[in-house]
Amino acid sequence: MRRIINHFTDDDLYKFTMCCSVVENYPRAQVRYRFTDRNDMVYPQGFARQLRQQIDMLAQLVITDEEIDFMKRRCPYIPVWFYSYLKGFRYNPDCVTVSQDEEGHLSMEIEGYWSETILFEVKLLAIVSELYYILTGHDKYFDYDKYAVRSEDKARRLLEAGCSFSDFGTRRRASFESQATVVRTMAAVSREGNYPGRFTGTSNVYLAMVNDLTPIGTMAHEMVCAIAGMYGPQMANYLAMEMWRKTYRGALGTFLYDTYGWEIFSLNFSEDYANMFRGLRVDSGNNFEQLDLIIAKYRSLNIDPLTKQVIFSNALDVDRAIAIQQYAGSKCQPSFGIGTHFTNDFPEIKPLNIVIKLTDVKMTESWPRYFPTCKLSEDRGKYSGDPEVVKQFIQTLQFK
């Protein structure tokens, strides 16, 4: 089997930015992650064995000077010391356990220091997705010439509608080549004409480098989930914002607010943070209702919403993004991060519905046990974690 991940920065930017903040703020924290297939798929016989080989090959990845030079140029907010950390970073496959039951269902867990395990998630999901299509033979349907044409059409529609958008599709891409095709094609379309919209870049650092684009991303739910496991969910957003402020001092100012829902976040989102952060990201709930809540909050703090960016990333496709643009364009500075619809949209196949979520955390190795955590969001379908833990967090936050 060929190696699926061949570049250290074939990963989403938010994993590197969070890793940097974790090393600085929680260098001794330990965590556990768990893989979930939301569709409870049956994987081909021997899938776990092939996946194990791919995980073992991650130990060979080393960041190159070219990748470091690119990140220094395009990501000036990342402290220089972090690149020394990345130079010495090696994936430890022993942190990952993989198994497959008799029926073919896949199990995978990750455990270790947060700073050492945080970079596994996106690469593992990309491997699982691409490996599935290889072993089932679905990859024979990947006509990349036709995919480029379809990607060009998507880009033109978004650009003509005035959308600012980026590729967020690394985790559940059909293949590395499918994402490379999308990024290359959309960058070319955006550069060729004077459109009201703009293709702003990609979350994938390596593909941003080879296409001379800006890597896009800030943080993920896992940061708030880990802090909630250590301190409780009531002030997790506040502590996460403080952590981000300490590391990046006002740069990377888009906050992902929905880990425990709008209500508790809004209580933590004071005027100073609303001014410091450039904007918020909507990743669950009804996009229009969530935007209305955000607009009302900014206005209650005497902040003009038109000065703030709102990034939408909740299961978007071209039609949904254009509809949101038409609604939000006069209210804020909308932009769109589109994932699976860009990188896994072949007519003949169905994208996997897979995630890896942080489930347990302890602040240092000296703590006697892990403490469980979960993610709630604005959609019950996106809740993740042990059902009893989810119930406890809801009761703690007094959700109705």
Protein backbone atom coordinates (compact mmCIF):
# COMPACT_ATOMS: atom_id res chain seq x y z
CA MET A 1 0.00 0.00 0.00
CA ARG A 2 1.35 3.44 -0.94
CA ARG A 3 1.74 6.03 1.81
CA ILE A 4 -1.30 8.31 1.89
CA ILE A 5 0.15 11.24 3.90
CA ASN A 6 3.45 12.37 2.38
CA HIS A 7 3.97 15.88 3.77
CA PHE A 8 4.20 17.09 7.35
CA THR A 9 2.04 20.14 6.61
CA ASP A 10 -0.61 18.16 4.75
CA ASP A 11 -2.80 19.17 7.66
CA ASP A 12 -5.17 21.94 8.68
CA LEU A 13 -3.68 25.15 10.05
CA TYR A 14 -5.83 25.10 13.18
CA LYS A 15 -4.03 21.98 14.42
CA PHE A 16 -0.70 23.82 14.33
CA THR A 17 -2.05 27.00 15.93
CA MET A 18 -3.75 25.03 18.71
CA CYS A 19 -0.65 22.89 19.21
CA CYS A 20 1.42 26.04 19.70
CA SER A 21 -1.00 27.36 22.30
CA VAL A 22 -1.14 23.99 24.07
CA VAL A 23 2.66 23.76 24.30
CA GLU A 24 2.77 27.25 25.80
CA ASN A 25 -0.17 26.95 28.19
CA TYR A 26 -0.71 23.24 28.99
CA PRO A 27 2.57 21.44 28.23
CA ARG A 28 1.88 18.64 30.74
CA ALA A 29 -1.80 18.05 29.96
CA GLN A 30 -2.75 14.55 28.84
CA VAL A 31 -5.77 13.65 26.74
CA ARG A 32 -7.73 10.88 25.13
CA TYR A 33 -9.48 11.03 21.75
CA ARG A 34 -11.98 8.61 20.22
CA PHE A 35 -12.90 7.96 16.58
CA THR A 36 -16.61 7.87 15.75
CA ASP A 37 -18.29 6.83 12.52
CA ARG A 38 -21.67 8.53 12.78
CA ASN A 39 -23.10 6.20 10.12
CA ASP A 40 -21.76 3.07 11.84
CA MET A 41 -20.18 1.93 8.58
CA VAL A 42 -18.84 -1.56 7.99
CA TYR A 43 -15.27 -1.34 6.71
CA PRO A 44 -13.62 -3.90 4.40
CA GLN A 45 -11.94 -6.92 5.94
CA GLY A 46 -8.37 -6.07 6.90
CA PHE A 47 -9.03 -2.34 7.01
CA ALA A 48 -7.63 -1.94 10.53
CA ARG A 49 -4.41 -3.69 9.51
CA GLN A 50 -3.92 -1.40 6.51
CA LEU A 51 -4.76 1.63 8.66
CA ARG A 52 -2.20 0.51 11.22
CA GLN A 53 0.46 0.49 8.50
CA GLN A 54 -0.47 4.02 7.46
CA ILE A 55 -0.29 5.22 11.06
CA ASP A 56 3.13 3.65 11.50
CA MET A 57 4.34 5.47 8.38
CA LEU A 58 3.47 8.84 9.95
CA ALA A 59 6.59 8.43 12.10
CA GLN A 60 8.66 9.09 8.96
CA LEU A 61 7.23 12.58 8.44
CA VAL A 62 9.57 15.51 9.12
CA ILE A 63 8.81 19.16 8.49
CA THR A 64 11.01 20.64 5.76
CA ASP A 65 12.82 23.97 5.68
CA GLU A 66 10.59 24.96 2.76
CA GLU A 67 7.47 24.35 4.85
CA ILE A 68 8.88 26.31 7.79
CA ASP A 69 9.90 29.23 5.59
CA PHE A 70 6.42 29.33 4.07
CA MET A 71 4.70 29.32 7.46
CA LYS A 72 6.99 32.05 8.75
CA ARG A 73 6.03 34.24 5.78
CA ARG A 74 2.31 33.54 5.72
CA CYS A 75 1.67 32.93 9.43
CA PRO A 76 3.68 35.69 11.16
CA TYR A 77 1.50 35.45 14.28
CA ILE A 78 3.00 32.04 15.17
CA PRO A 79 5.91 32.50 17.63
CA VAL A 80 9.28 31.65 16.10
CA TRP A 81 10.11 29.20 18.92
CA PHE A 82 7.29 26.92 17.72
CA TYR A 83 9.19 26.03 14.55
CA SER A 84 12.02 24.61 16.64
CA TYR A 85 9.39 22.46 18.34
CA LEU A 86 8.04 21.29 14.97
CA LYS A 87 11.56 20.50 13.71
CA GLY A 88 11.97 18.05 16.54
CA PHE A 89 8.41 16.72 16.41
CA ARG A 90 7.92 13.07 15.48
CA TYR A 91 4.60 11.26 15.38
CA ASN A 92 4.48 8.45 17.92
CA PRO A 93 2.30 5.67 16.45
CA ASP A 94 2.18 3.97 19.84
CA CYS A 95 -0.26 6.70 20.94
CA VAL A 96 -2.88 5.26 18.57
CA THR A 97 -4.74 1.99 18.98
CA VAL A 98 -6.84 0.56 16.14
CA SER A 99 -9.18 -2.43 15.97
CA GLN A 100 -12.00 -3.84 13.91
CA ASP A 101 -14.76 -6.10 15.19
CA GLU A 102 -16.08 -9.23 13.49
CA GLU A 103 -18.75 -7.24 11.67
CA GLY A 104 -16.18 -4.78 10.33
CA HIS A 105 -16.86 -1.74 12.51
CA LEU A 106 -13.78 0.39 13.13
CA SER A 107 -12.49 1.55 16.52
CA MET A 108 -9.61 3.96 17.10
CA GLU A 109 -8.35 5.78 20.17
CA ILE A 110 -5.49 8.20 20.79
CA GLU A 111 -3.88 8.83 24.18
CA GLY A 112 -0.88 10.81 25.36
CA TYR A 113 0.36 14.29 26.06
CA TRP A 114 -1.94 16.84 24.44
CA SER A 115 0.98 18.57 22.73
CA GLU A 116 2.10 15.26 21.14
CA THR A 117 -1.29 13.87 20.12
CA ILE A 118 -3.04 16.99 18.86
CA LEU A 119 -1.54 16.67 15.37
CA PHE A 120 -3.00 13.20 14.74
CA GLU A 121 -6.69 14.05 14.21
CA VAL A 122 -6.84 15.53 10.72
CA LYS A 123 -4.24 13.20 9.23
CA LEU A 124 -5.97 10.12 10.63
CA LEU A 125 -9.38 11.17 9.31
CA ALA A 126 -7.91 11.89 5.88
CA ILE A 127 -6.22 8.48 5.89
CA VAL A 128 -9.40 6.63 6.91
CA SER A 129 -11.43 8.37 4.20
CA GLU A 130 -8.97 7.83 1.35
CA LEU A 131 -8.09 4.29 2.45
CA TYR A 132 -11.77 3.35 2.49
CA TYR A 133 -12.20 4.30 -1.14
CA ILE A 134 -9.01 2.49 -2.14
CA LEU A 135 -9.95 -0.76 -0.43
CA THR A 136 -13.56 -0.71 -1.66
CA GLY A 137 -12.49 0.14 -5.20
CA HIS A 138 -14.51 3.35 -5.23
CA ASP A 139 -11.40 5.32 -6.18
CA LYS A 140 -11.86 4.06 -9.74
CA TYR A 141 -14.71 6.59 -10.05
CA PHE A 142 -12.42 9.55 -9.37
CA ASP A 143 -12.27 11.39 -12.68
CA TYR A 144 -10.14 14.39 -11.75
CA ASP A 145 -10.54 16.15 -15.08
CA LYS A 146 -14.30 16.23 -14.63
CA TYR A 147 -13.79 17.15 -10.97
CA ALA A 148 -11.77 20.19 -11.99
CA VAL A 149 -14.61 21.32 -14.27
CA ARG A 150 -17.17 20.92 -11.47
CA SER A 151 -14.89 22.73 -9.03
CA GLU A 152 -14.48 25.58 -11.51
CA ASP A 153 -18.26 25.91 -11.78
CA LYS A 154 -18.64 26.01 -7.98
CA ALA A 155 -15.95 28.67 -7.70
CA ARG A 156 -17.50 30.87 -10.39
CA ARG A 157 -20.94 30.74 -8.80
CA LEU A 158 -19.56 31.72 -5.40
CA LEU A 159 -17.32 34.45 -6.81
CA GLU A 160 -20.12 35.94 -8.89
CA ALA A 161 -22.39 35.94 -5.83
CA GLY A 162 -19.81 37.99 -3.90
CA CYS A 163 -18.82 35.23 -1.49
CA SER A 164 -15.45 35.17 0.25
CA PHE A 165 -14.75 31.47 0.71
CA SER A 166 -12.03 28.96 1.48
CA ASP A 167 -11.46 25.22 1.37
CA PHE A 168 -11.93 23.44 4.73
CA GLY A 169 -11.99 19.92 3.30
CA THR A 170 -8.90 18.04 4.48
CA ARG A 171 -10.54 15.80 7.09
CA ARG A 172 -13.07 13.98 4.93
CA ARG A 173 -11.60 14.40 1.46
CA ALA A 174 -11.98 11.63 -1.06
CA SER A 175 -8.24 11.75 -1.69
CA PHE A 176 -5.28 14.09 -1.52
CA GLU A 177 -5.61 14.58 -5.27
CA SER A 178 -9.27 15.60 -4.98
CA GLN A 179 -8.38 18.38 -2.55
CA ALA A 180 -5.35 19.40 -4.61
CA THR A 181 -7.60 19.63 -7.68
CA VAL A 182 -10.11 21.83 -5.87
CA VAL A 183 -7.53 24.24 -4.45
CA ARG A 184 -5.56 24.52 -7.69
CA THR A 185 -8.69 25.06 -9.78
CA MET A 186 -10.41 27.55 -7.48
CA ALA A 187 -7.24 29.59 -7.02
CA ALA A 188 -6.86 29.84 -10.81
CA VAL A 189 -10.49 30.87 -11.34
CA SER A 190 -10.30 33.52 -8.61
CA ARG A 191 -7.13 35.00 -10.07
CA GLU A 192 -8.34 35.16 -13.65
CA GLY A 193 -11.19 37.65 -13.27
CA ASN A 194 -12.45 40.70 -11.42
CA TYR A 195 -15.18 39.07 -9.34
CA PRO A 196 -17.07 40.62 -6.42
CA GLY A 197 -16.20 37.51 -4.38
CA ARG A 198 -12.84 36.01 -3.46
CA PHE A 199 -11.27 32.59 -2.92
CA THR A 200 -9.34 33.36 0.26
CA GLY A 201 -7.29 30.17 0.58
CA THR A 202 -7.32 26.73 2.15
CA SER A 203 -7.07 25.25 5.61
CA ASN A 204 -4.46 22.81 4.30
CA VAL A 205 -1.01 24.29 4.93
CA TYR A 206 0.83 22.21 2.32
CA LEU A 207 -1.67 22.96 -0.44
CA ALA A 208 -1.56 26.64 0.50
CA MET A 209 2.21 26.52 0.07
CA VAL A 210 2.25 24.87 -3.36
CA ASN A 211 -0.47 27.21 -4.64
CA ASP A 212 0.92 30.40 -3.06
CA LEU A 213 -2.19 30.92 -0.93
CA THR A 214 -2.85 31.94 2.64
CA PRO A 215 -3.50 29.08 5.10
CA ILE A 216 -6.88 29.65 6.78
CA GLY A 217 -7.83 28.60 10.30
CA THR A 218 -7.71 29.35 14.00
CA MET A 219 -9.06 26.83 16.51
CA ALA A 220 -11.42 23.88 16.99
CA HIS A 221 -13.88 22.66 19.62
CA GLU A 222 -11.27 20.42 21.22
CA MET A 223 -9.58 23.37 22.92
CA VAL A 224 -12.76 24.42 24.73
CA CYS A 225 -13.64 20.78 25.46
CA ALA A 226 -10.27 20.12 27.11
CA ILE A 227 -10.52 23.24 29.25
CA ALA A 228 -14.07 22.27 30.24
CA GLY A 229 -12.81 18.86 31.36
CA MET A 230 -10.19 20.51 33.55
CA TYR A 231 -12.22 23.39 34.97
CA GLY A 232 -15.88 22.86 34.07
CA PRO A 233 -17.97 24.11 31.14
CA GLN A 234 -19.31 27.31 32.70
CA MET A 235 -16.13 29.34 32.12
CA ALA A 236 -14.48 27.19 29.45
CA ASN A 237 -15.05 29.74 26.69
CA TYR A 238 -13.63 32.54 28.84
CA LEU A 239 -10.52 30.52 29.71
CA ALA A 240 -10.07 29.52 26.06
CA MET A 241 -10.26 33.15 24.96
CA GLU A 242 -7.68 34.04 27.63
CA MET A 243 -5.44 31.21 26.44
CA TRP A 244 -5.72 32.46 22.85
CA ARG A 245 -5.05 36.05 23.86
CA LYS A 246 -1.93 35.04 25.76
CA THR A 247 -0.45 33.12 22.83
CA TYR A 248 -1.46 35.31 19.88
CA ARG A 249 -2.03 38.75 21.46
CA GLY A 250 -5.00 39.68 19.33
CA ALA A 251 -3.98 37.92 16.10
CA LEU A 252 -5.95 34.91 14.85
CA GLY A 253 -9.06 36.66 16.09
CA THR A 254 -11.91 34.35 15.07
CA PHE A 255 -13.47 32.40 17.92
CA LEU A 256 -15.43 29.16 17.53
CA TYR A 257 -18.20 29.78 20.04
CA ASP A 258 -20.66 26.88 19.85
CA THR A 259 -18.92 24.14 21.87
CA TYR A 260 -21.52 24.48 24.65
CA GLY A 261 -24.06 26.58 22.80
CA TRP A 262 -24.71 30.26 22.32
CA GLU A 263 -26.24 30.98 25.73
CA ILE A 264 -23.20 30.20 27.87
CA PHE A 265 -20.80 31.68 25.33
CA SER A 266 -22.74 34.93 25.21
CA LEU A 267 -22.38 35.26 28.99
CA ASN A 268 -18.59 34.90 28.63
CA PHE A 269 -18.33 37.21 25.60
CA SER A 270 -17.72 40.57 27.22
CA GLU A 271 -17.03 43.88 25.49
CA ASP A 272 -13.26 43.56 25.71
CA TYR A 273 -13.27 40.14 24.00
CA ALA A 274 -15.84 41.26 21.45
CA ASN A 275 -13.52 44.10 20.51
CA MET A 276 -10.36 41.99 20.56
CA PHE A 277 -11.64 39.12 18.39
CA ARG A 278 -12.16 39.96 14.75
CA GLY A 279 -15.24 37.77 14.60
CA LEU A 280 -16.98 34.47 15.31
CA ARG A 281 -17.44 31.17 13.46
CA VAL A 282 -20.86 29.54 13.05
CA ASP A 283 -20.49 25.74 12.96
CA SER A 284 -23.88 24.45 14.14
CA GLY A 285 -27.52 25.43 14.46
CA ASN A 286 -29.59 27.41 11.99
CA ASN A 287 -27.16 29.71 10.20
CA PHE A 288 -29.63 32.59 9.95
CA GLU A 289 -30.80 32.34 13.56
CA GLN A 290 -27.23 32.13 14.81
CA LEU A 291 -26.28 35.21 12.80
CA ASP A 292 -29.19 37.15 14.29
CA LEU A 293 -27.98 36.25 17.80
CA ILE A 294 -24.45 37.38 16.94
CA ILE A 295 -25.65 40.68 15.45
CA ALA A 296 -27.83 41.39 18.49
CA LYS A 297 -24.92 40.65 20.85
CA TYR A 298 -22.56 43.03 19.06
CA ARG A 299 -25.19 45.75 19.06
CA SER A 300 -25.82 45.25 22.78
CA LEU A 301 -22.12 45.98 23.30
CA ASN A 302 -22.30 49.10 21.09
CA ILE A 303 -20.16 47.43 18.41
CA ASP A 304 -21.07 47.86 14.75
CA PRO A 305 -21.60 44.31 13.34
CA LEU A 306 -20.45 45.55 9.93
CA THR A 307 -16.94 45.79 11.39
CA LYS A 308 -16.99 42.10 12.38
CA GLN A 309 -16.38 38.92 10.42
CA VAL A 310 -18.70 35.94 10.74
CA ILE A 311 -17.37 32.71 9.24
CA PHE A 312 -19.94 30.07 8.33
CA SER A 313 -18.77 26.43 8.21
CA ASN A 314 -21.84 24.38 9.08
CA ALA A 315 -22.37 21.69 6.40
CA LEU A 316 -22.24 24.18 3.56
CA ASP A 317 -22.61 23.75 -0.16
CA VAL A 318 -22.68 26.40 -2.89
CA ASP A 319 -26.42 27.04 -2.71
CA ARG A 320 -26.43 27.40 1.09
CA ALA A 321 -23.43 29.73 1.04
CA ILE A 322 -25.01 31.99 -1.57
CA ALA A 323 -28.28 32.13 0.40
CA ILE A 324 -26.39 33.12 3.56
CA GLN A 325 -24.39 35.72 1.63
CA GLN A 326 -27.61 37.33 0.42
CA TYR A 327 -28.93 37.46 4.00
CA ALA A 328 -25.74 38.40 5.83
CA GLY A 329 -23.97 40.67 3.34
CA SER A 330 -25.60 43.83 4.70
CA LYS A 331 -25.28 42.81 8.36
CA CYS A 332 -21.62 41.77 8.85
CA GLN A 333 -18.57 40.62 6.93
CA PRO A 334 -19.58 37.06 5.99
CA SER A 335 -17.16 34.42 4.78
CA PHE A 336 -17.43 30.69 4.22
CA GLY A 337 -15.34 27.62 5.00
CA ILE A 338 -16.60 24.76 2.84
CA GLY A 339 -15.35 21.23 3.40
CA THR A 340 -16.80 17.96 2.15
CA HIS A 341 -18.82 19.64 -0.62
CA PHE A 342 -15.53 20.78 -2.13
CA THR A 343 -13.25 17.78 -1.56
CA ASN A 344 -15.58 14.76 -1.59
CA ASP A 345 -18.37 15.44 -4.05
CA PHE A 346 -18.06 12.71 -6.67
CA PRO A 347 -21.49 11.63 -8.00
CA GLU A 348 -20.74 7.94 -7.65
CA ILE A 349 -19.68 7.84 -3.99
CA LYS A 350 -20.96 8.81 -0.57
CA PRO A 351 -18.69 10.75 1.82
CA LEU A 352 -17.91 9.15 5.16
CA ASN A 353 -19.37 10.82 8.25
CA ILE A 354 -16.40 10.41 10.58
CA VAL A 355 -14.96 12.47 13.44
CA ILE A 356 -12.30 12.22 16.11
CA LYS A 357 -13.21 13.98 19.34
CA LEU A 358 -11.36 14.64 22.58
CA THR A 359 -13.14 12.69 25.35
CA ASP A 360 -10.96 12.87 28.49
CA VAL A 361 -8.31 15.17 29.94
CA LYS A 362 -6.04 15.61 32.95
CA MET A 363 -4.00 18.72 33.59
CA THR A 364 -0.74 16.89 34.34
CA GLU A 365 0.54 13.33 34.38
CA SER A 366 0.42 13.46 38.19
CA TRP A 367 -3.37 13.67 38.31
CA PRO A 368 -4.72 10.31 39.55
CA ARG A 369 -7.30 9.96 36.79
CA TYR A 370 -8.72 11.50 33.65
CA PHE A 371 -11.81 13.68 33.75
CA PRO A 372 -14.39 13.24 30.97
CA THR A 373 -15.54 16.00 28.66
CA CYS A 374 -17.91 16.35 25.70
CA LYS A 375 -19.11 18.70 22.96
CA LEU A 376 -22.69 19.94 22.79
CA SER A 377 -23.00 22.60 20.03
CA GLU A 378 -26.29 24.03 18.73
CA ASP A 379 -27.29 20.73 17.06
CA ARG A 380 -28.13 17.65 19.09
CA GLY A 381 -26.91 15.60 16.16
CA LYS A 382 -23.44 17.03 16.71
CA TYR A 383 -23.26 16.21 20.43
CA SER A 384 -20.26 13.99 21.10
CA GLY A 385 -19.10 12.18 24.21
CA ASP A 386 -20.42 9.62 26.64
CA PRO A 387 -24.21 10.10 27.01
CA GLU A 388 -23.93 10.39 30.80
CA VAL A 389 -21.25 13.06 30.48
CA VAL A 390 -23.38 14.95 27.96
CA LYS A 391 -26.28 14.79 30.42
CA GLN A 392 -24.12 16.08 33.27
CA PHE A 393 -22.81 19.00 31.22
CA ILE A 394 -26.33 19.96 30.14
CA GLN A 395 -27.48 19.90 33.75
CA THR A 396 -24.47 21.96 34.83
CA LEU A 397 -25.25 24.58 32.21
CA GLN A 398 -28.96 24.42 33.02
CA PHE A 399 -30.04 24.01 29.44
CA LYS A 400 -33.76 23.60 28.93
